Amino acid sequence: MRSPRTERRPREEPPWRADGTPWADRLTGRVTADVAVVGAGLTGLTTVYRLLTRAPGLDVVLVDAGRPGAGASGRGTGLLGPRVGPAVDVARRRFGDGTARRAYEASVGWVRQTVRLAGELGADCGLVPAGQLVVAGSPRAAAVLTRQAAAYRALGLDPELLPDPGAFHAALRFPVAATLDPAALTAALAAEVTRLGARRFDRSPVRAARPGELAFPTGTLRARRVVFAVNGFAGPLRLPVGTVAPLEVRAVATAPLPPALRARLGAEPVIDVSPLGPYYRLTPDGRLIMGGGPADCPPPARPARRERAWDWLAERLPPGVEITHRWSGRIGMTGDDLPVVGRIAPDTWFAGGCCGHGLALSVATGGYLADALTGHAPPPGPPLPWHRARGPWLPTGGAARPALRAYLGLLAHRAGRDGIRCDG
């Protein structure tokens, strides 16, 4: 059923152009390279960019099943915030205070690193530095957020509960964050790596992966080192990385809002603390972007399920606003909420499982992989928990799929019960 807040049928794509990069040729014949990078999203592109700026002359090939930005990097909602792994109170229990503190501080550095990258590229990506609010829409959710605030305080970190949360039951403010157009940043990276000499091949899905060799429908690629930057698309490649479960998530965008409504919503993005809870932000031209709500296991859900998920978001928008765009994207989830970033074979690396927090993490991971590939020393201290070769295994197919869908449905129900509404 179409939402009553939708006057015309929305376009089923983000409001930013995910097709801003010209198509490259398909990979055909026999190709060789020093380094092959599979996946032309933000992780793969940043890996190539850092490789070619640190080791000019390196022969790097970048391949993608579609084109740059066709996956999550071009279909995200543009929230650039500090988060990696489980909630901070869980991270303290699981890893100890030192690692929990290092993880948060690393993620703050990634936000700043992404802002610098946009400046280096001269990317016209609508970057707006701002804080970020994580909020509670019910007393139950406020208790969860209060525990997280206490954990940050115990670690001596900067997020603080606002003394006046306004319409929310509680609000935790993160001072270092931003918003941007993810497709524009992706396109700027694609243009720069091409200028630096990377060879790109689009519409070239990997059919088989063997040590040092990748097979494609119309050719092969041999490389001394290989990086799989494929996030939630790891399963079909049969990579030994544990389970990186793909989830289909959704978002909507409105027409530009009246200035008075924009002023009431404020400049800082708002994120519900509940799993699958709604979140929203404004774009520079005054559109409201909202994501969250019911998620599905690929293959894509039936049209009726997608409609219900988009209606779930529409019901949480301010009255009378028009939805002009709505879309789906794929994220990669792991069983312990931690990414998998590491060497999975002597000359092979993997990056994925960003768990919905991939924008800043993707940029940072590209730098980490480039350092590993060029022999730079890792950061001081013990490895962080997501620098690993594999995550836990989870049953996601066969008889387990209905159970996983039921669990996702339960999370969406709780998010609807306890979640916020963007009433303006």
Protein backbone atom coordinates (compact mmCIF):
# COMPACT_ATOMS: atom_id res chain seq x y z
CA MET A 1 0.00 0.00 0.00
CA ARG A 2 1.36 3.41 -0.92
CA SER A 3 1.97 5.75 1.98
CA PRO A 4 -0.50 8.65 2.30
CA ARG A 5 2.54 10.91 2.64
CA THR A 6 3.59 10.09 -0.92
CA GLU A 7 1.80 12.27 -3.46
CA ARG A 8 3.63 10.77 -6.46
CA ARG A 9 5.25 7.40 -6.74
CA PRO A 10 8.80 7.87 -5.43
CA ARG A 11 11.83 7.06 -7.51
CA GLU A 12 13.40 3.83 -6.27
CA GLU A 13 16.92 5.22 -5.94
CA PRO A 14 18.77 7.59 -3.59
CA PRO A 15 18.47 11.34 -4.22
CA TRP A 16 22.18 11.45 -5.08
CA ARG A 17 23.56 10.03 -8.29
CA ALA A 18 25.12 6.61 -7.82
CA ASP A 19 26.04 6.53 -11.52
CA GLY A 20 28.44 9.46 -11.56
CA THR A 21 31.40 7.34 -12.72
CA PRO A 22 31.69 6.37 -16.40
CA TRP A 23 31.55 2.66 -17.12
CA ALA A 24 34.86 0.89 -17.57
CA ASP A 25 35.34 -2.09 -19.88
CA ARG A 26 34.67 -5.66 -18.82
CA LEU A 27 37.70 -7.76 -17.95
CA THR A 28 38.50 -9.96 -20.93
CA GLY A 29 41.39 -12.23 -21.80
CA ARG A 30 44.39 -12.75 -19.52
CA VAL A 31 45.26 -9.82 -17.25
CA THR A 32 48.14 -9.60 -14.75
CA ALA A 33 48.81 -7.13 -11.94
CA ASP A 34 50.85 -6.55 -8.81
CA VAL A 35 47.68 -6.11 -6.75
CA ALA A 36 44.08 -7.00 -7.58
CA VAL A 37 41.31 -5.32 -5.57
CA VAL A 38 37.83 -6.85 -5.84
CA GLY A 39 35.05 -4.41 -4.99
CA ALA A 40 34.86 -0.76 -6.08
CA GLY A 41 33.12 0.60 -3.02
CA LEU A 42 34.72 2.94 -0.52
CA THR A 43 36.98 0.26 0.99
CA GLY A 44 38.30 -0.98 -2.34
CA LEU A 45 38.68 2.50 -3.82
CA THR A 46 40.45 3.87 -0.74
CA THR A 47 42.78 0.86 -0.73
CA VAL A 48 43.74 1.57 -4.34
CA TYR A 49 44.06 5.31 -3.69
CA ARG A 50 46.38 4.81 -0.72
CA LEU A 51 48.41 2.19 -2.58
CA LEU A 52 49.05 4.44 -5.54
CA THR A 53 49.89 7.49 -3.44
CA ARG A 54 52.34 5.50 -1.30
CA ALA A 55 53.80 3.33 -4.06
CA PRO A 56 53.51 5.16 -7.40
CA GLY A 57 54.08 2.83 -10.31
CA LEU A 58 52.48 -0.16 -8.61
CA ASP A 59 50.32 -2.05 -11.12
CA VAL A 60 46.88 -2.17 -9.51
CA VAL A 61 43.71 -3.58 -11.04
CA LEU A 62 40.29 -2.77 -9.56
CA VAL A 63 37.34 -4.98 -10.54
CA ASP A 64 33.67 -4.79 -9.67
CA ALA A 65 30.61 -6.84 -10.52
CA GLY A 66 28.80 -3.58 -11.30
CA ARG A 67 30.52 -0.20 -11.17
CA PRO A 68 31.94 2.08 -8.45
CA GLY A 69 29.27 2.98 -5.91
CA ALA A 70 26.74 0.44 -7.17
CA GLY A 71 26.65 -1.29 -3.77
CA ALA A 72 26.39 0.02 -0.23
CA SER A 73 28.89 2.84 -0.79
CA GLY A 74 26.58 4.58 -3.24
CA ARG A 75 23.33 3.64 -1.52
CA GLY A 76 24.09 4.54 2.09
CA THR A 77 22.49 7.44 3.92
CA GLY A 78 25.65 9.48 4.43
CA LEU A 79 26.01 9.32 8.22
CA LEU A 80 29.66 9.71 9.17
CA GLY A 81 29.95 8.88 12.84
CA PRO A 82 32.19 7.20 15.44
CA ARG A 83 31.16 3.61 15.95
CA VAL A 84 32.66 0.17 15.43
CA GLY A 85 31.65 -3.13 16.93
CA PRO A 86 29.16 -3.67 19.75
CA ALA A 87 27.83 -0.94 22.04
CA VAL A 88 30.45 0.49 24.37
CA ASP A 89 29.10 -1.15 27.53
CA VAL A 90 29.17 -4.54 25.79
CA ALA A 91 32.66 -3.82 24.44
CA ARG A 92 33.93 -3.12 27.97
CA ARG A 93 32.65 -6.47 29.21
CA ARG A 94 33.91 -8.39 26.20
CA PHE A 95 37.32 -6.78 25.58
CA GLY A 96 38.18 -4.75 28.67
CA ASP A 97 38.44 -1.01 29.19
CA GLY A 98 41.68 -0.50 27.26
CA THR A 99 40.43 -2.07 24.05
CA ALA A 100 36.99 -0.47 24.31
CA ARG A 101 38.65 2.95 24.66
CA ARG A 102 41.04 2.33 21.77
CA ALA A 103 38.17 1.19 19.54
CA TYR A 104 36.15 4.34 20.14
CA GLU A 105 39.15 6.63 19.77
CA ALA A 106 40.07 4.87 16.52
CA SER A 107 36.57 5.42 15.15
CA VAL A 108 36.72 9.14 15.99
CA GLY A 109 39.99 9.30 14.06
CA TRP A 110 38.30 7.63 11.09
CA VAL A 111 35.68 10.38 10.94
CA ARG A 112 38.42 13.00 10.80
CA GLN A 113 40.32 10.91 8.25
CA THR A 114 37.27 10.78 5.97
CA VAL A 115 36.77 14.52 6.23
CA ARG A 116 40.43 15.02 5.25
CA LEU A 117 40.07 12.60 2.35
CA ALA A 118 37.13 14.56 0.95
CA GLY A 119 39.33 17.67 1.14
CA GLU A 120 42.29 15.95 -0.54
CA LEU A 121 40.06 14.91 -3.42
CA GLY A 122 38.28 18.23 -3.70
CA ALA A 123 35.08 16.17 -3.60
CA ASP A 124 31.83 18.10 -3.96
CA CYS A 125 30.05 15.71 -1.62
CA GLY A 126 27.91 18.01 0.52
CA LEU A 127 30.10 17.48 3.59
CA VAL A 128 28.58 19.03 6.72
CA PRO A 129 30.62 18.61 9.94
CA ALA A 130 28.30 18.33 12.93
CA GLY A 131 27.74 16.38 16.09
CA GLN A 132 25.52 13.32 16.20
CA LEU A 133 22.72 12.46 18.63
CA VAL A 134 21.89 8.93 19.70
CA VAL A 135 18.49 9.08 21.36
CA ALA A 136 15.88 7.04 23.20
CA GLY A 137 12.19 7.03 22.31
CA SER A 138 10.95 5.22 25.43
CA PRO A 139 11.91 4.73 29.10
CA ARG A 140 13.14 1.23 28.20
CA ALA A 141 15.45 2.60 25.54
CA ALA A 142 16.54 5.43 27.86
CA ALA A 143 17.84 2.85 30.34
CA VAL A 144 19.96 1.30 27.56
CA LEU A 145 21.32 4.70 26.55
CA THR A 146 22.06 5.65 30.16
CA ARG A 147 24.19 2.51 30.56
CA GLN A 148 26.12 3.41 27.44
CA ALA A 149 26.66 6.97 28.68
CA ALA A 150 27.98 5.62 31.98
CA ALA A 151 30.42 3.39 30.09
CA TYR A 152 31.74 6.30 28.03
CA ARG A 153 32.11 8.36 31.21
CA ALA A 154 33.98 5.56 32.98
CA LEU A 155 36.40 5.38 30.03
CA GLY A 156 36.99 9.13 30.09
CA LEU A 157 35.53 9.60 26.59
CA ASP A 158 33.66 12.59 25.21
CA PRO A 159 30.03 11.50 24.47
CA GLU A 160 27.73 13.10 27.04
CA LEU A 161 24.07 12.85 27.94
CA LEU A 162 22.27 16.08 27.19
CA PRO A 163 20.73 17.64 30.32
CA ASP A 164 17.65 18.52 28.28
CA PRO A 165 16.84 15.81 25.70
CA GLY A 166 13.87 17.74 24.35
CA ALA A 167 11.24 15.44 22.85
CA PHE A 168 13.33 12.32 23.55
CA HIS A 169 13.56 10.32 26.75
CA ALA A 170 17.37 10.62 26.65
CA ALA A 171 19.97 11.88 24.19
CA LEU A 172 23.70 11.12 24.00
CA ARG A 173 25.75 13.57 21.93
CA PHE A 174 28.86 12.59 19.98
CA PRO A 175 30.85 15.75 19.19
CA VAL A 176 32.85 14.46 16.18
CA ALA A 177 30.65 13.45 13.25
CA ALA A 178 29.49 14.68 9.85
CA THR A 179 27.13 13.97 6.97
CA LEU A 180 27.91 13.72 3.27
CA ASP A 181 26.81 12.38 -0.11
CA PRO A 182 28.40 8.91 -0.20
CA ALA A 183 27.97 8.46 -3.96
CA ALA A 184 29.81 11.72 -4.68
CA LEU A 185 32.72 10.72 -2.45
CA THR A 186 32.84 7.32 -4.17
CA ALA A 187 32.81 8.94 -7.62
CA ALA A 188 35.60 11.34 -6.64
CA LEU A 189 37.74 8.41 -5.47
CA ALA A 190 37.04 6.48 -8.67
CA ALA A 191 38.11 9.44 -10.80
CA GLU A 192 41.29 9.92 -8.77
CA VAL A 193 42.44 6.30 -8.82
CA THR A 194 41.93 6.27 -12.58
CA ARG A 195 44.05 9.42 -12.86
CA LEU A 196 46.74 7.79 -10.72
CA GLY A 197 46.98 4.86 -13.10
CA ALA A 198 44.75 2.10 -11.70
CA ARG A 199 43.15 -0.14 -14.31
CA ARG A 200 39.42 -0.53 -13.71
CA PHE A 201 37.13 -3.24 -14.98
CA ASP A 202 33.35 -2.99 -14.44
CA ARG A 203 30.59 -5.56 -14.97
CA SER A 204 33.18 -8.22 -14.09
CA PRO A 205 31.88 -10.57 -11.37
CA VAL A 206 34.35 -13.05 -9.92
CA ARG A 207 33.28 -16.59 -10.79
CA ALA A 208 36.06 -18.44 -8.99
CA ALA A 209 38.97 -17.50 -6.75
CA ARG A 210 42.14 -19.54 -6.56
CA PRO A 211 45.47 -18.54 -4.97
CA GLY A 212 46.83 -15.72 -7.10
CA GLU A 213 44.16 -16.07 -9.79
CA LEU A 214 40.60 -14.85 -10.28
CA ALA A 215 38.27 -16.18 -12.96
CA PHE A 216 35.66 -14.00 -14.67
CA PRO A 217 33.02 -14.77 -17.28
CA THR A 218 35.29 -13.56 -20.09
CA GLY A 219 38.82 -13.69 -18.70
CA THR A 220 41.26 -14.30 -15.87
CA LEU A 221 43.30 -12.05 -13.60
CA ARG A 222 46.57 -13.15 -12.04
CA ALA A 223 48.00 -11.01 -9.24
CA ARG A 224 50.73 -11.34 -6.65
CA ARG A 225 48.36 -10.02 -3.97
CA VAL A 226 44.57 -9.89 -3.82
CA VAL A 227 42.16 -7.84 -1.69
CA PHE A 228 38.49 -8.79 -1.42
CA ALA A 229 36.66 -5.62 -0.34
CA VAL A 230 33.21 -7.10 -0.81
CA ASN A 231 31.45 -6.63 2.56
CA GLY A 232 28.10 -8.46 2.40
CA PHE A 233 28.91 -10.24 -0.88
CA ALA A 234 31.46 -12.64 0.62
CA GLY A 235 29.22 -15.73 0.68
CA PRO A 236 29.03 -16.49 -3.06
CA LEU A 237 32.83 -16.29 -3.31
CA ARG A 238 33.21 -19.01 -0.63
CA LEU A 239 35.87 -17.04 1.19
CA PRO A 240 37.06 -18.55 4.51
CA VAL A 241 36.01 -15.54 6.61
CA GLY A 242 33.21 -16.99 8.74
CA THR A 243 29.71 -15.66 8.14
CA VAL A 244 29.21 -12.16 6.79
CA ALA A 245 25.45 -12.21 6.44
CA PRO A 246 23.94 -9.84 3.88
CA LEU A 247 20.93 -7.82 4.99
CA GLU A 248 18.70 -5.64 2.84
CA VAL A 249 17.91 -2.35 4.56
CA ARG A 250 15.86 0.63 3.38
CA ALA A 251 15.70 4.39 3.40
CA VAL A 252 13.54 7.23 2.13
CA ALA A 253 14.15 10.86 1.16
CA THR A 254 11.66 13.70 1.14
CA ALA A 255 11.28 16.79 -0.98
CA PRO A 256 13.08 19.84 0.49
CA LEU A 257 11.40 20.80 3.75
CA PRO A 258 10.12 24.27 4.66
CA PRO A 259 12.78 26.35 6.47
CA ALA A 260 10.79 26.43 9.72
CA LEU A 261 10.58 22.63 9.86
CA ARG A 262 14.28 22.30 9.07
CA ALA A 263 15.06 24.67 11.93
CA ARG A 264 12.98 22.61 14.36
CA LEU A 265 14.71 19.38 13.32
CA GLY A 266 18.16 20.89 13.87
CA ALA A 267 21.44 20.40 12.06
CA GLU A 268 22.64 17.25 13.84
CA PRO A 269 21.66 13.74 12.71
CA VAL A 270 19.49 11.73 15.10
CA ILE A 271 19.87 7.97 15.56
CA ASP A 272 17.58 5.76 17.64
CA VAL A 273 19.54 3.59 20.08
CA SER A 274 17.33 0.54 19.39
CA PRO A 275 18.56 -2.09 16.89
CA LEU A 276 16.87 -1.34 13.52
CA GLY A 277 15.51 1.86 15.05
CA PRO A 278 14.87 4.85 12.77
CA TYR A 279 17.48 7.51 12.14
CA TYR A 280 17.40 10.71 10.14
CA ARG A 281 19.40 13.64 8.89
CA LEU A 282 19.01 16.70 6.67
CA THR A 283 20.83 17.23 3.38
CA PRO A 284 22.32 20.61 2.38
CA ASP A 285 19.32 21.25 0.10
CA GLY A 286 16.87 20.59 2.94
CA ARG A 287 15.74 17.04 2.23
CA LEU A 288 15.08 14.70 5.13
CA ILE A 289 16.75 11.29 4.85
CA MET A 290 15.39 8.52 7.07
CA GLY A 291 16.56 4.92 7.36
CA GLY A 292 16.05 1.97 9.65
CA GLY A 293 13.11 -0.31 10.25
CA PRO A 294 12.37 -3.80 8.91
CA ALA A 295 15.33 -5.59 7.28
CA ASP A 296 15.39 -8.71 5.12
CA CYS A 297 17.76 -11.49 4.13
CA PRO A 298 18.59 -11.48 0.40
CA PRO A 299 17.48 -12.43 -2.15
CA PRO A 300 15.38 -9.26 -2.36
CA ALA A 301 12.13 -9.34 -0.48
CA ARG A 302 8.80 -9.57 -2.25
CA PRO A 303 7.43 -6.18 -3.38
CA ALA A 304 4.75 -6.23 -0.67
CA ARG A 305 7.39 -6.64 2.05
CA ARG A 306 9.42 -3.76 0.65
CA GLU A 307 6.29 -1.58 0.51
CA ARG A 308 5.52 -2.34 4.15
CA ALA A 309 9.07 -1.47 5.16
CA TRP A 310 8.96 1.86 3.31
CA ASP A 311 5.54 2.58 4.87
CA TRP A 312 7.07 1.86 8.30
CA LEU A 313 9.49 4.72 7.65
CA ALA A 314 6.85 6.99 6.14
CA GLU A 315 4.73 6.69 9.29
CA ARG A 316 7.60 8.19 11.29
CA LEU A 317 8.07 11.29 9.14
CA PRO A 318 6.65 14.73 9.93
CA PRO A 319 3.03 15.13 8.80
CA GLY A 320 2.47 16.25 5.23
CA VAL A 321 5.98 15.82 3.81
CA GLU A 322 6.38 14.25 0.37
CA ILE A 323 8.61 11.22 -0.17
CA THR A 324 10.43 11.65 -3.49
CA HIS A 325 12.94 8.77 -3.27
CA ARG A 326 13.08 5.40 -1.58
CA TRP A 327 15.65 2.66 -1.95
CA SER A 328 17.25 -0.48 -0.59
CA GLY A 329 20.88 -1.29 0.10
CA ARG A 330 22.87 -4.26 1.29
CA ILE A 331 24.97 -4.30 4.45
CA GLY A 332 27.12 -7.09 5.88
CA MET A 333 26.54 -8.34 9.43
CA THR A 334 28.57 -10.69 11.61
CA GLY A 335 27.53 -12.78 14.59
CA ASP A 336 29.54 -10.71 17.08
CA ASP A 337 28.93 -7.21 15.59
CA LEU A 338 32.59 -6.89 14.62
CA PRO A 339 33.98 -6.42 11.11
CA VAL A 340 36.48 -8.84 9.58
CA VAL A 341 39.58 -7.06 8.29
CA GLY A 342 42.70 -9.13 7.81
CA ARG A 343 44.86 -11.56 5.90
CA ILE A 344 42.95 -14.74 5.04
CA ALA A 345 45.74 -16.45 3.05
CA PRO A 346 49.46 -15.71 2.50
CA ASP A 347 48.79 -13.10 -0.23
CA THR A 348 45.08 -12.47 0.21
CA TRP A 349 43.21 -9.97 2.38
CA PHE A 350 39.53 -9.48 3.15
CA ALA A 351 37.45 -6.58 4.45
CA GLY A 352 33.75 -6.79 5.27
CA GLY A 353 31.07 -7.10 7.91
CA CYS A 354 30.81 -3.40 8.69
CA CYS A 355 27.48 -4.06 10.46
CA GLY A 356 25.86 -0.88 9.18
CA HIS A 357 28.64 1.44 10.38
CA GLY A 358 30.75 1.35 7.26
CA LEU A 359 31.32 4.87 5.99
CA ALA A 360 34.24 6.01 8.13
CA LEU A 361 35.34 2.41 8.74
CA SER A 362 35.61 1.77 4.98
CA VAL A 363 37.94 4.72 4.46
CA ALA A 364 40.10 3.71 7.42
CA THR A 365 40.19 0.08 6.29
CA GLY A 366 41.52 1.14 2.90
CA GLY A 367 44.45 2.81 4.60
CA TYR A 368 45.04 -0.18 6.87
CA LEU A 369 45.09 -2.59 3.91
CA ALA A 370 47.38 -0.34 1.89
CA ASP A 371 49.81 -0.28 4.82
CA ALA A 372 49.72 -4.08 5.05
CA LEU A 373 50.28 -4.49 1.32
CA THR A 374 53.22 -2.06 1.24
CA GLY A 375 54.95 -3.40 4.35
CA HIS A 376 54.21 -0.49 6.71
CA ALA A 377 54.22 -1.32 10.40
CA PRO A 378 50.76 -1.69 11.98
CA PRO A 379 49.64 0.84 14.60
CA PRO A 380 51.28 0.37 18.02
CA GLY A 381 49.63 -1.90 20.55
CA PRO A 382 47.86 -5.23 20.23
CA PRO A 383 45.58 -5.77 17.21
CA LEU A 384 42.09 -4.39 17.57
CA PRO A 385 39.35 -7.05 17.73
CA TRP A 386 38.22 -6.66 14.12
CA HIS A 387 41.72 -7.15 12.70
CA ARG A 388 41.24 -10.86 12.21
CA ALA A 389 41.01 -13.47 9.48
CA ARG A 390 37.49 -14.69 10.17
CA GLY A 391 34.38 -14.07 12.21
CA PRO A 392 32.04 -16.60 13.82
CA TRP A 393 30.01 -18.98 11.70
CA LEU A 394 26.24 -18.54 11.71
CA PRO A 395 23.58 -20.66 10.05
CA THR A 396 21.75 -18.37 7.59
CA GLY A 397 20.39 -20.70 4.89
CA GLY A 398 17.96 -23.57 4.66
CA ALA A 399 15.94 -24.16 7.80
CA ALA A 400 17.77 -21.32 9.60
CA ARG A 401 16.45 -18.64 7.23
CA PRO A 402 12.89 -18.50 8.65
CA ALA A 403 14.34 -18.23 12.15
CA LEU A 404 16.61 -15.37 11.07
CA ARG A 405 13.69 -13.59 9.43
CA ALA A 406 11.62 -14.05 12.58
CA TYR A 407 14.44 -12.54 14.66
CA LEU A 408 14.69 -9.55 12.31
CA GLY A 409 10.93 -9.17 12.57
CA LEU A 410 11.16 -9.14 16.37
CA LEU A 411 13.83 -6.42 16.25
CA ALA A 412 11.66 -4.34 13.90
CA HIS A 413 8.67 -4.80 16.22
CA ARG A 414 10.70 -3.58 19.20
CA ALA A 415 12.06 -0.66 17.18
CA GLY A 416 8.50 0.28 16.26
CA ARG A 417 7.38 0.01 19.88
CA ASP A 418 10.26 1.90 21.47
CA GLY A 419 11.55 3.94 18.54
CA ILE A 420 11.43 7.64 17.86
CA ARG A 421 9.29 9.57 15.41
CA CYS A 422 10.52 12.56 13.46
CA ASP A 423 7.54 14.80 14.14
CA GLY A 424 9.39 18.08 13.78
